[in-house]
Amino acid sequence: MDTFIKTVREDGTVEYVNSRYDEIVSMVEEERSKQDLTNLPILTQEELDADLLNNVHQRRILEYPPLTDFADAWVKQDETALEEYRQACLAVKAKYPKP
């Protein structure tokens, strides 16, 4: 089990530092230096644009009002509720415009 050393900073805040901090940082840096980053795929502009568009669609899906609200308003022919639903959808579209 790791042990922690209590230190007090100049501003008076207390900090607990792992007693093996330097060793752990060295291990992480060593592992990072071993990683071969030369084979990473390079995305084309079209792929980047598609990813951005997909992200916009996912964000919109999460924030659109429930479809049951629309169905309920439509079945009841409640024009006020339908307009509220439309406005809520348009607000999400404005918040996350397509690139």
Protein backbone atom coordinates (compact mmCIF):
# COMPACT_ATOMS: atom_id res chain seq x y z
CA MET A 1 0.00 0.00 0.00
CA ASP A 2 1.31 3.42 -0.88
CA THR A 3 2.01 5.93 1.83
CA PHE A 4 1.37 9.62 1.60
CA ILE A 5 3.38 12.49 2.99
CA LYS A 6 1.56 15.52 4.34
CA THR A 7 3.08 18.81 3.23
CA VAL A 8 1.96 22.37 3.79
CA ARG A 9 2.32 24.77 0.88
CA GLU A 10 3.40 28.41 1.18
CA ASP A 11 -0.22 29.55 0.88
CA GLY A 12 -1.18 27.34 3.85
CA THR A 13 -3.02 24.64 1.94
CA VAL A 14 -2.32 21.04 2.88
CA GLU A 15 -1.21 18.62 0.20
CA TYR A 16 -0.79 14.86 0.46
CA VAL A 17 1.89 13.50 -1.86
CA ASN A 18 2.51 9.85 -2.64
CA SER A 19 5.87 8.90 -1.17
CA ARG A 20 6.71 7.20 -4.49
CA TYR A 21 5.64 10.21 -6.59
CA ASP A 22 8.98 10.71 -8.36
CA GLU A 23 9.26 7.00 -9.09
CA ILE A 24 5.72 6.83 -10.50
CA VAL A 25 6.26 9.89 -12.69
CA SER A 26 9.50 8.36 -14.02
CA MET A 27 7.70 5.11 -14.84
CA VAL A 28 4.93 6.95 -16.68
CA GLU A 29 7.39 9.03 -18.68
CA GLU A 30 9.38 5.92 -19.57
CA GLU A 31 6.26 4.11 -20.79
CA ARG A 32 5.17 7.17 -22.74
CA SER A 33 8.56 7.35 -24.45
CA LYS A 34 8.20 3.71 -25.54
CA GLN A 35 4.95 4.35 -27.38
CA ASP A 36 5.26 4.42 -31.15
CA LEU A 37 3.12 7.29 -32.40
CA THR A 38 4.32 7.06 -35.99
CA ASN A 39 1.58 4.63 -37.05
CA LEU A 40 -1.37 6.73 -35.94
CA PRO A 41 -3.87 7.30 -38.72
CA ILE A 42 -3.96 10.78 -40.21
CA LEU A 43 -7.55 11.82 -40.79
CA THR A 44 -8.52 13.61 -43.96
CA GLN A 45 -10.51 16.84 -43.84
CA GLU A 46 -13.59 14.93 -44.99
CA GLU A 47 -13.22 12.48 -42.09
CA LEU A 48 -12.78 15.34 -39.62
CA ASP A 49 -15.87 17.09 -41.00
CA ALA A 50 -17.90 13.87 -40.81
CA ASP A 51 -16.83 13.35 -37.21
CA LEU A 52 -17.78 16.91 -36.31
CA LEU A 53 -21.17 16.52 -38.01
CA ASN A 54 -21.74 13.23 -36.19
CA ASN A 55 -20.90 14.97 -32.89
CA VAL A 56 -23.44 17.70 -33.64
CA HIS A 57 -26.12 15.09 -34.37
CA GLN A 58 -25.39 13.20 -31.16
CA ARG A 59 -25.60 16.36 -29.06
CA ARG A 60 -28.88 17.30 -30.70
CA ILE A 61 -30.34 13.85 -30.09
CA LEU A 62 -29.53 14.12 -26.39
CA GLU A 63 -31.20 17.51 -26.03
CA TYR A 64 -34.26 17.27 -28.28
CA PRO A 65 -37.52 17.11 -26.35
CA PRO A 66 -39.06 13.64 -26.06
CA LEU A 67 -40.94 12.43 -29.13
CA THR A 68 -43.80 11.47 -26.84
CA ASP A 69 -44.42 15.20 -26.28
CA PHE A 70 -44.87 15.65 -30.02
CA ALA A 71 -47.09 12.57 -30.33
CA ASP A 72 -49.30 13.69 -27.48
CA ALA A 73 -49.72 17.17 -28.94
CA TRP A 74 -50.38 15.78 -32.41
CA VAL A 75 -53.01 13.28 -31.25
CA LYS A 76 -54.76 16.00 -29.26
CA GLN A 77 -54.34 18.47 -32.14
CA ASP A 78 -53.01 20.95 -29.59
CA GLU A 79 -51.47 23.67 -31.76
CA THR A 80 -49.94 25.45 -28.76
CA ALA A 81 -48.14 22.30 -27.62
CA LEU A 82 -47.03 21.56 -31.19
CA GLU A 83 -45.58 25.05 -31.50
CA GLU A 84 -43.80 24.69 -28.15
CA TYR A 85 -42.31 21.41 -29.38
CA ARG A 86 -41.18 23.06 -32.64
CA GLN A 87 -39.60 25.95 -30.75
CA ALA A 88 -37.78 23.57 -28.39
CA CYS A 89 -36.38 21.68 -31.41
CA LEU A 90 -35.33 24.92 -33.11
CA ALA A 91 -33.58 26.05 -29.93
CA VAL A 92 -31.51 22.84 -29.91
CA LYS A 93 -30.68 23.31 -33.60
CA ALA A 94 -29.55 26.87 -32.90
CA LYS A 95 -27.45 25.71 -29.95
CA TYR A 96 -25.71 23.05 -32.08
CA PRO A 97 -25.58 24.33 -35.68
CA LYS A 98 -24.29 22.10 -38.44
CA PRO A 99 -20.71 22.89 -39.46
